[in-house]
Amino acid sequence: MTYNRYSPEKLDQLVLRIFDVAALLREISQSAKRAKLDDIPMHDRKAVLWCEQLEQWAVKTKINVDILLLNRQDET
């Protein structure tokens, strides 16, 4: 596995992309509610898998950052 270095700003850019996707999906759901659509046909298998993997990645990243922060505290 290759680690890429992220500055806090680069991580913010990634988060904003994720928010943009979430906002688009939210817009779709709100439009469907206003139109009183009962269901929306979607191919969601990959999207659900990607979300699960994204959640796992975020948890692992949080743990890694927490460890980095703890190590930094120990150095001071």
PDB file of N, CA and C in Angstrom:
ATOM      1  N   MET A   1       0.845  -1.171   0.000  1.00  0.00           N
ATOM      2  CA  MET A   1       0.000   0.000   0.000  1.00  0.00           C
ATOM      3  C   MET A   1       0.895   1.239   0.000  1.00  0.00           C
ATOM      4  N   THR A   2       0.592   2.169  -0.864  1.00  0.00           N
ATOM      5  CA  THR A   2       1.369   3.390  -0.954  1.00  0.00           C
ATOM      6  C   THR A   2       0.671   4.495  -0.175  1.00  0.00           C
ATOM      7  N   TYR A   3       1.436   5.139   0.684  1.00  0.00           N
ATOM      8  CA  TYR A   3       0.892   6.275   1.421  1.00  0.00           C
ATOM      9  C   TYR A   3       1.174   7.549   0.647  1.00  0.00           C
ATOM     10  N   ASN A   4       0.169   8.383   0.520  1.00  0.00           N
ATOM     11  CA  ASN A   4       0.338   9.712  -0.066  1.00  0.00           C
ATOM     12  C   ASN A   4       0.314  10.726   1.056  1.00  0.00           C
ATOM     13  N   ARG A   5       1.133  11.727   0.933  1.00  0.00           N
ATOM     14  CA  ARG A   5       1.191  12.775   1.949  1.00  0.00           C
ATOM     15  C   ARG A   5       0.085  13.794   1.687  1.00  0.00           C
ATOM     16  N   TYR A   6      -0.624  14.136   2.735  1.00  0.00           N
ATOM     17  CA  TYR A   6      -1.697  15.124   2.649  1.00  0.00           C
ATOM     18  C   TYR A   6      -1.426  16.238   3.631  1.00  0.00           C
ATOM     19  N   SER A   7      -1.500  17.443   3.144  1.00  0.00           N
ATOM     20  CA  SER A   7      -1.508  18.591   4.052  1.00  0.00           C
ATOM     21  C   SER A   7      -2.946  18.727   4.546  1.00  0.00           C
ATOM     22  N   PRO A   8      -3.155  19.452   5.637  1.00  0.00           N
ATOM     23  CA  PRO A   8      -4.539  19.683   6.061  1.00  0.00           C
ATOM     24  C   PRO A   8      -5.383  20.329   4.956  1.00  0.00           C
ATOM     25  N   GLU A   9      -4.770  21.185   4.153  1.00  0.00           N
ATOM     26  CA  GLU A   9      -5.509  21.847   3.067  1.00  0.00           C
ATOM     27  C   GLU A   9      -5.931  20.838   1.999  1.00  0.00           C
ATOM     28  N   LYS A  10      -5.016  19.911   1.659  1.00  0.00           N
ATOM     29  CA  LYS A  10      -5.348  18.895   0.653  1.00  0.00           C
ATOM     30  C   LYS A  10      -6.455  17.979   1.178  1.00  0.00           C
ATOM     31  N   LEU A  11      -6.414  17.650   2.457  1.00  0.00           N
ATOM     32  CA  LEU A  11      -7.471  16.836   3.051  1.00  0.00           C
ATOM     33  C   LEU A  11      -8.801  17.588   3.011  1.00  0.00           C
ATOM     34  N   ASP A  12      -8.771  18.887   3.293  1.00  0.00           N
ATOM     35  CA  ASP A  12      -9.985  19.702   3.190  1.00  0.00           C
ATOM     36  C   ASP A  12     -10.550  19.672   1.774  1.00  0.00           C
ATOM     37  N   GLN A  13      -9.681  19.724   0.767  1.00  0.00           N
ATOM     38  CA  GLN A  13     -10.145  19.668  -0.627  1.00  0.00           C
ATOM     39  C   GLN A  13     -10.856  18.350  -0.909  1.00  0.00           C
ATOM     40  N   LEU A  14     -10.299  17.254  -0.393  1.00  0.00           N
ATOM     41  CA  LEU A  14     -10.945  15.957  -0.565  1.00  0.00           C
ATOM     42  C   LEU A  14     -12.301  15.937   0.122  1.00  0.00           C
ATOM     43  N   VAL A  15     -12.349  16.452   1.334  1.00  0.00           N
ATOM     44  CA  VAL A  15     -13.604  16.487   2.089  1.00  0.00           C
ATOM     45  C   VAL A  15     -14.651  17.321   1.343  1.00  0.00           C
ATOM     46  N   LEU A  16     -14.231  18.427   0.778  1.00  0.00           N
ATOM     47  CA  LEU A  16     -15.171  19.265   0.038  1.00  0.00           C
ATOM     48  C   LEU A  16     -15.722  18.538  -1.191  1.00  0.00           C
ATOM     49  N   ARG A  17     -14.899  17.735  -1.842  1.00  0.00           N
ATOM     50  CA  ARG A  17     -15.396  16.912  -2.970  1.00  0.00           C
ATOM     51  C   ARG A  17     -16.464  15.945  -2.487  1.00  0.00           C
ATOM     52  N   ILE A  18     -16.199  15.309  -1.352  1.00  0.00           N
ATOM     53  CA  ILE A  18     -17.171  14.370  -0.794  1.00  0.00           C
ATOM     54  C   ILE A  18     -18.467  15.099  -0.440  1.00  0.00           C
ATOM     55  N   PHE A  19     -18.342  16.289   0.148  1.00  0.00           N
ATOM     56  CA  PHE A  19     -19.531  17.094   0.461  1.00  0.00           C
ATOM     57  C   PHE A  19     -20.294  17.462  -0.804  1.00  0.00           C
ATOM     58  N   ASP A  20     -19.585  17.771  -1.885  1.00  0.00           N
ATOM     59  CA  ASP A  20     -20.249  18.108  -3.145  1.00  0.00           C
ATOM     60  C   ASP A  20     -21.076  16.930  -3.659  1.00  0.00           C
ATOM     61  N   VAL A  21     -20.516  15.728  -3.571  1.00  0.00           N
ATOM     62  CA  VAL A  21     -21.256  14.528  -3.994  1.00  0.00           C
ATOM     63  C   VAL A  21     -22.470  14.333  -3.089  1.00  0.00           C
ATOM     64  N   ALA A  22     -22.265  14.488  -1.782  1.00  0.00           N
ATOM     65  CA  ALA A  22     -23.375  14.341  -0.840  1.00  0.00           C
ATOM     66  C   ALA A  22     -24.462  15.378  -1.111  1.00  0.00           C
ATOM     67  N   ALA A  23     -24.060  16.600  -1.405  1.00  0.00           N
ATOM     68  CA  ALA A  23     -25.040  17.661  -1.692  1.00  0.00           C
ATOM     69  C   ALA A  23     -25.837  17.344  -2.951  1.00  0.00           C
ATOM     70  N   LEU A  24     -25.176  16.805  -3.954  1.00  0.00           N
ATOM     71  CA  LEU A  24     -25.878  16.428  -5.185  1.00  0.00           C
ATOM     72  C   LEU A  24     -26.895  15.327  -4.910  1.00  0.00           C
ATOM     73  N   LEU A  25     -26.501  14.318  -4.150  1.00  0.00           N
ATOM     74  CA  LEU A  25     -27.434  13.250  -3.803  1.00  0.00           C
ATOM     75  C   LEU A  25     -28.585  13.766  -2.953  1.00  0.00           C
ATOM     76  N   ARG A  26     -28.272  14.691  -2.057  1.00  0.00           N
ATOM     77  CA  ARG A  26     -29.325  15.298  -1.231  1.00  0.00           C
ATOM     78  C   ARG A  26     -30.307  16.070  -2.107  1.00  0.00           C
ATOM     79  N   GLU A  27     -29.782  16.791  -3.097  1.00  0.00           N
ATOM     80  CA  GLU A  27     -30.640  17.528  -4.029  1.00  0.00           C
ATOM     81  C   GLU A  27     -31.557  16.573  -4.780  1.00  0.00           C
ATOM     82  N   ILE A  28     -31.008  15.442  -5.212  1.00  0.00           N
ATOM     83  CA  ILE A  28     -31.811  14.430  -5.916  1.00  0.00           C
ATOM     84  C   ILE A  28     -32.909  13.901  -4.998  1.00  0.00           C
ATOM     85  N   SER A  29     -32.559  13.593  -3.752  1.00  0.00           N
ATOM     86  CA  SER A  29     -33.564  13.038  -2.835  1.00  0.00           C
ATOM     87  C   SER A  29     -34.651  14.058  -2.525  1.00  0.00           C
ATOM     88  N   GLN A  30     -34.270  15.310  -2.356  1.00  0.00           N
ATOM     89  CA  GLN A  30     -35.268  16.346  -2.071  1.00  0.00           C
ATOM     90  C   GLN A  30     -36.192  16.574  -3.263  1.00  0.00           C
ATOM     91  N   SER A  31     -35.622  16.549  -4.472  1.00  0.00           N
ATOM     92  CA  SER A  31     -36.454  16.681  -5.683  1.00  0.00           C
ATOM     93  C   SER A  31     -37.428  15.525  -5.793  1.00  0.00           C
ATOM     94  N   ALA A  32     -36.955  14.327  -5.491  1.00  0.00           N
ATOM     95  CA  ALA A  32     -37.818  13.152  -5.554  1.00  0.00           C
ATOM     96  C   ALA A  32     -38.934  13.244  -4.516  1.00  0.00           C
ATOM     97  N   LYS A  33     -38.615  13.744  -3.322  1.00  0.00           N
ATOM     98  CA  LYS A  33     -39.646  13.906  -2.288  1.00  0.00           C
ATOM     99  C   LYS A  33     -40.694  14.918  -2.737  1.00  0.00           C
ATOM    100  N   ARG A  34     -40.228  16.047  -3.281  1.00  0.00           N
ATOM    101  CA  ARG A  34     -41.180  17.084  -3.735  1.00  0.00           C
ATOM    102  C   ARG A  34     -42.079  16.553  -4.849  1.00  0.00           C
ATOM    103  N   ALA A  35     -41.514  15.693  -5.701  1.00  0.00           N
ATOM    104  CA  ALA A  35     -42.291  15.116  -6.809  1.00  0.00           C
ATOM    105  C   ALA A  35     -43.092  13.903  -6.362  1.00  0.00           C
ATOM    106  N   LYS A  36     -42.975  13.553  -5.076  1.00  0.00           N
ATOM    107  CA  LYS A  36     -43.681  12.416  -4.510  1.00  0.00           C
ATOM    108  C   LYS A  36     -43.364  11.108  -5.230  1.00  0.00           C
ATOM    109  N   LEU A  37     -42.085  10.942  -5.582  1.00  0.00           N
ATOM    110  CA  LEU A  37     -41.639   9.675  -6.155  1.00  0.00           C
ATOM    111  C   LEU A  37     -41.529   8.657  -5.026  1.00  0.00           C
ATOM    112  N   ASP A  38     -42.070   7.482  -5.252  1.00  0.00           N
ATOM    113  CA  ASP A  38     -42.008   6.446  -4.227  1.00  0.00           C
ATOM    114  C   ASP A  38     -40.660   5.746  -4.195  1.00  0.00           C
ATOM    115  N   ASP A  39     -40.043   5.626  -5.356  1.00  0.00           N
ATOM    116  CA  ASP A  39     -38.734   4.989  -5.399  1.00  0.00           C
ATOM    117  C   ASP A  39     -37.936   5.536  -6.577  1.00  0.00           C
ATOM    118  N   ILE A  40     -36.631   5.403  -6.457  1.00  0.00           N
ATOM    119  CA  ILE A  40     -35.713   5.884  -7.490  1.00  0.00           C
ATOM    120  C   ILE A  40     -34.853   4.689  -7.898  1.00  0.00           C
ATOM    121  N   PRO A  41     -34.977   4.239  -9.138  1.00  0.00           N
ATOM    122  CA  PRO A  41     -34.154   3.110  -9.564  1.00  0.00           C
ATOM    123  C   PRO A  41     -32.686   3.539  -9.682  1.00  0.00           C
ATOM    124  N   MET A  42     -31.826   2.791  -9.000  1.00  0.00           N
ATOM    125  CA  MET A  42     -30.399   3.131  -9.006  1.00  0.00           C
ATOM    126  C   MET A  42     -29.576   1.849  -8.984  1.00  0.00           C
ATOM    127  N   HIS A  43     -28.449   1.877  -9.649  1.00  0.00           N
ATOM    128  CA  HIS A  43     -27.441   0.827  -9.504  1.00  0.00           C
ATOM    129  C   HIS A  43     -26.543   1.280  -8.363  1.00  0.00           C
ATOM    130  N   ASP A  44     -26.702   0.685  -7.200  1.00  0.00           N
ATOM    131  CA  ASP A  44     -26.009   1.217  -6.022  1.00  0.00           C
ATOM    132  C   ASP A  44     -24.934   0.297  -5.446  1.00  0.00           C
ATOM    133  N   ARG A  45     -24.744  -0.879  -6.031  1.00  0.00           N
ATOM    134  CA  ARG A  45     -23.816  -1.835  -5.442  1.00  0.00           C
ATOM    135  C   ARG A  45     -22.425  -1.237  -5.246  1.00  0.00           C
ATOM    136  N   LYS A  46     -21.876  -0.638  -6.294  1.00  0.00           N
ATOM    137  CA  LYS A  46     -20.533  -0.052  -6.180  1.00  0.00           C
ATOM    138  C   LYS A  46     -20.523   1.154  -5.254  1.00  0.00           C
ATOM    139  N   ALA A  47     -21.556   1.961  -5.310  1.00  0.00           N
ATOM    140  CA  ALA A  47     -21.605   3.140  -4.440  1.00  0.00           C
ATOM    141  C   ALA A  47     -21.634   2.734  -2.972  1.00  0.00           C
ATOM    142  N   VAL A  48     -22.410   1.709  -2.652  1.00  0.00           N
ATOM    143  CA  VAL A  48     -22.470   1.236  -1.264  1.00  0.00           C
ATOM    144  C   VAL A  48     -21.116   0.680  -0.844  1.00  0.00           C
ATOM    145  N   LEU A  49     -20.474  -0.090  -1.723  1.00  0.00           N
ATOM    146  CA  LEU A  49     -19.147  -0.628  -1.436  1.00  0.00           C
ATOM    147  C   LEU A  49     -18.133   0.495  -1.235  1.00  0.00           C
ATOM    148  N   TRP A  50     -18.163   1.501  -2.100  1.00  0.00           N
ATOM    149  CA  TRP A  50     -17.230   2.631  -1.979  1.00  0.00           C
ATOM    150  C   TRP A  50     -17.449   3.371  -0.665  1.00  0.00           C
ATOM    151  N   CYS A  51     -18.700   3.550  -0.277  1.00  0.00           N
ATOM    152  CA  CYS A  51     -18.987   4.230   0.992  1.00  0.00           C
ATOM    153  C   CYS A  51     -18.438   3.432   2.166  1.00  0.00           C
ATOM    154  N   GLU A  52     -18.623   2.112   2.126  1.00  0.00           N
ATOM    155  CA  GLU A  52     -18.087   1.272   3.194  1.00  0.00           C
ATOM    156  C   GLU A  52     -16.569   1.381   3.259  1.00  0.00           C
ATOM    157  N   GLN A  53     -15.923   1.345   2.093  1.00  0.00           N
ATOM    158  CA  GLN A  53     -14.468   1.455   2.047  1.00  0.00           C
ATOM    159  C   GLN A  53     -14.001   2.838   2.488  1.00  0.00           C
ATOM    160  N   LEU A  54     -14.751   3.861   2.122  1.00  0.00           N
ATOM    161  CA  LEU A  54     -14.411   5.227   2.525  1.00  0.00           C
ATOM    162  C   LEU A  54     -14.511   5.371   4.040  1.00  0.00           C
ATOM    163  N   GLU A  55     -15.549   4.791   4.621  1.00  0.00           N
ATOM    164  CA  GLU A  55     -15.691   4.822   6.080  1.00  0.00           C
ATOM    165  C   GLU A  55     -14.518   4.115   6.759  1.00  0.00           C
ATOM    166  N   GLN A  56     -14.146   2.945   6.239  1.00  0.00           N
ATOM    167  CA  GLN A  56     -13.009   2.212   6.814  1.00  0.00           C
ATOM    168  C   GLN A  56     -11.718   3.014   6.681  1.00  0.00           C
ATOM    169  N   TRP A  57     -11.528   3.616   5.529  1.00  0.00           N
ATOM    170  CA  TRP A  57     -10.336   4.437   5.284  1.00  0.00           C
ATOM    171  C   TRP A  57     -10.297   5.615   6.250  1.00  0.00           C
ATOM    172  N   ALA A  58     -11.437   6.257   6.453  1.00  0.00           N
ATOM    173  CA  ALA A  58     -11.493   7.411   7.354  1.00  0.00           C
ATOM    174  C   ALA A  58     -11.174   6.994   8.790  1.00  0.00           C
ATOM    175  N   VAL A  59     -11.702   5.857   9.229  1.00  0.00           N
ATOM    176  CA  VAL A  59     -11.425   5.379  10.590  1.00  0.00           C
ATOM    177  C   VAL A  59      -9.941   5.070  10.742  1.00  0.00           C
ATOM    178  N   LYS A  60      -9.352   4.369   9.776  1.00  0.00           N
ATOM    179  CA  LYS A  60      -7.922   4.060   9.822  1.00  0.00           C
ATOM    180  C   LYS A  60      -7.080   5.325   9.821  1.00  0.00           C
ATOM    181  N   THR A  61      -7.479   6.290   9.004  1.00  0.00           N
ATOM    182  CA  THR A  61      -6.750   7.556   8.941  1.00  0.00           C
ATOM    183  C   THR A  61      -6.831   8.280  10.272  1.00  0.00           C
ATOM    184  N   LYS A  62      -8.001   8.288  10.885  1.00  0.00           N
ATOM    185  CA  LYS A  62      -8.162   8.927  12.204  1.00  0.00           C
ATOM    186  C   LYS A  62      -7.245   8.285  13.233  1.00  0.00           C
ATOM    187  N   ILE A  63      -7.194   6.965  13.228  1.00  0.00           N
ATOM    188  CA  ILE A  63      -6.319   6.253  14.164  1.00  0.00           C
ATOM    189  C   ILE A  63      -4.860   6.629  13.913  1.00  0.00           C
ATOM    190  N   ASN A  64      -4.450   6.653  12.650  1.00  0.00           N
ATOM    191  CA  ASN A  64      -3.070   7.015  12.323  1.00  0.00           C
ATOM    192  C   ASN A  64      -2.732   8.440  12.756  1.00  0.00           C
ATOM    193  N   VAL A  65      -3.650   9.354  12.538  1.00  0.00           N
ATOM    194  CA  VAL A  65      -3.411  10.748  12.941  1.00  0.00           C
ATOM    195  C   VAL A  65      -3.376  10.859  14.461  1.00  0.00           C
ATOM    196  N   ASP A  66      -4.268  10.149  15.134  1.00  0.00           N
ATOM    197  CA  ASP A  66      -4.250  10.156  16.598  1.00  0.00           C
ATOM    198  C   ASP A  66      -2.905   9.644  17.128  1.00  0.00           C
ATOM    199  N   ILE A  67      -2.381   8.589  16.511  1.00  0.00           N
ATOM    200  CA  ILE A  67      -1.079   8.054  16.926  1.00  0.00           C
ATOM    201  C   ILE A  67       0.022   9.084  16.678  1.00  0.00           C
ATOM    202  N   LEU A  68      -0.014   9.730  15.520  1.00  0.00           N
ATOM    203  CA  LEU A  68       0.976  10.777  15.226  1.00  0.00           C
ATOM    204  C   LEU A  68       0.922  11.893  16.262  1.00  0.00           C
ATOM    205  N   LEU A  69      -0.277  12.296  16.614  1.00  0.00           N
ATOM    206  CA  LEU A  69      -0.437  13.370  17.596  1.00  0.00           C
ATOM    207  C   LEU A  69       0.059  12.942  18.974  1.00  0.00           C
ATOM    208  N   LEU A  70      -0.241  11.712  19.361  1.00  0.00           N
ATOM    209  CA  LEU A  70       0.243  11.206  20.646  1.00  0.00           C
ATOM    210  C   LEU A  70       1.768  11.130  20.674  1.00  0.00           C
ATOM    211  N   ASN A  71       2.362  10.664  19.580  1.00  0.00           N
ATOM    212  CA  ASN A  71       3.816  10.599  19.495  1.00  0.00           C
ATOM    213  C   ASN A  71       4.435  11.990  19.571  1.00  0.00           C
ATOM    214  N   ARG A  72       3.793  12.943  18.947  1.00  0.00           N
ATOM    215  CA  ARG A  72       4.292  14.323  18.994  1.00  0.00           C
ATOM    216  C   ARG A  72       4.224  14.869  20.416  1.00  0.00           C
ATOM    217  N   GLN A  73       3.154  14.543  21.137  1.00  0.00           N
ATOM    218  CA  GLN A  73       3.039  14.982  22.524  1.00  0.00           C
ATOM    219  C   GLN A  73       4.128  14.350  23.387  1.00  0.00           C
ATOM    220  N   ASP A  74       4.434  13.099  23.127  1.00  0.00           N
ATOM    221  CA  ASP A  74       5.473  12.407  23.895  1.00  0.00           C
ATOM    222  C   ASP A  74       6.849  13.011  23.662  1.00  0.00           C
ATOM    223  N   GLU A  75       7.057  13.603  22.482  1.00  0.00           N
ATOM    224  CA  GLU A  75       8.339  14.205  22.150  1.00  0.00           C
ATOM    225  C   GLU A  75       8.557  15.538  22.857  1.00  0.00           C
ATOM    226  N   THR A  76       7.474  16.160  23.278  1.00  0.00           N
ATOM    227  CA  THR A  76       7.614  17.491  23.931  1.00  0.00           C
ATOM    228  C   THR A  76       7.713  17.384  25.416  1.00  0.00           C
TER     229      THR A  76
END
